[in-house]
């Protein structure tokens, strides 16, 4: 998989992320409306105080002191309720969208697997799925509706302040634009690619930690603990330096914002005073616009604060979009006529990983109900041939067919139903043995599971465990030996009960006695099955009807 980060502008990332809000547009509009009214209530509580001062000084105002007191109380209560409702609505939108986004990412990973995920840093993927997606909560809960609220609030307040004098309205507009747009843009430009660099290093550190935990026993065995710890501290230190730079930028952003706010407050006071002296406005035209500007920076200051934090958020969004936009090596096939298995074949197949040719002009015939053995040294292309039958990759030349149909023209679901694939390394989830086996057939009855385990000669071992089939296997199955994991992988294949069985080194982790037991089971259970048996052991081939040898990517 391409591990490079595609360069997208902040606007491109923002536009893509906003597009995901479409299913929740109604909730977003409601949050914007409640936020706008709430901020206006907060601003006018202070403005009502200005009117109260005018009323106390015997100036003509449209309100009595009693009416002003009632308005302040009502607006304060409404402000509190709307603030809570707005935040609740925004967070509902955010967490709902994060759930939808995780679903999209997992679907994308399924499309990309296994070809595009081979060799991809698992820790980095975990970082994207967890912390990067989680960071988008800031965008959905604290960016979209606040930006819309700030725009609408600016329009209302500029009209209100401008009603005293058009010049005062222009000063208010300049203040809002400077704080809400100019400062965030300048901060974003000044931050450069700090956000992308921070998220990338964070993913690297996650991968390094995960790798270190999995290899802890080897690290201790060879006395490399200090070296590994020093490397981890070095990576952590670099990440801390990047975070320090980002926080320093955020601090400067806050200082500049507060300075600009104070400067515009003074400009408003100075200009309104000059207008008063020239007779263009009354005393109320000095007091109310100045107080209104003082009390109305809340929505645009929220935008100014996002100038630095959004760098990190957009960097996280960029990494998520990289996965969503990644094109799979093999597209799933749908809409074809369902077929049944009647044999398989590879004809003059050539396949390369990049510039390295693995298989060259390979042909093999696999008749129905036969056992075909493929032997060869490690790296000769045996496992790759099985993966081509599974259509994990498409061939560059030649063809791979099932029942006379190219695997690319068979519905992927249909293809998976016809095939069982046992790999060299059996992955076990952190769950019970029974649930690990059920991945092959979710609705399997206990009797079916036991029958499959008996075929794989692992039933007696399972029954010797304290909890039997309910025994947890530990993370990655680390409580079991390699041979035990391998036999559970074979039991999965028997439980899946597909007519075409592809076995990649099914006895590589077994001693001679257990190998003989597994081969005996395969020979006895081969009725109705077609088996391709890959191994570098000649002893494994004694149950095969036909044996092919692969050397340097060529069949003999």
Foldseek 3Di string as FASTA:
>chain_A
DDPDFDDDDLVVLLVVVVVLLVVVVVLLVLLLVLLLLLLVLQLVLLLLVLVLVCVVVVHDDPDDPVRSVVSNVVSVVSNVVSVVVSLVSQLVSLVVSLVVLLVLLVVLVVLQPPPNVVPPQPLLVVLLSPVLSVLCSCCRRQNDSLVSSLVVNLVVLLVVLCVQPNVLSVLSNVLLCCLQPVLLVVLLVVLPLLQLVLSVLVSVLSSLVVVCVVCVVVCVVVVVVVVSVVVSVVSVVVSVVSVVVLVVSLVVLLVVSVVSLVVSLVVLLVVQVVCCVVVSGDPSSNRSSSSSSNSNCVSSNSNSSVSRSVSNNSSSSSVSVCSSPDHHQAGFDDDADFDAFFWKKWAQFWAADVPRTQAGGAIDTFGFLFEEEEAEDPSNCPVVVVVVLLPSHDTPDTAIDTPPHGPSNHGNVSSVLQEQEQALQQFAAQFFLLVRLCVLPVPDDPVLLLVLLVLLVCQVVQVVDPVRRRDGLHHRSVNDARLNSLSSSSSSRVSSVHQEYEYAASCVRDDPVSLVSNLVSCLVPSVSHGYYHYDNDPVNCPSGPYYWYGGNNYID
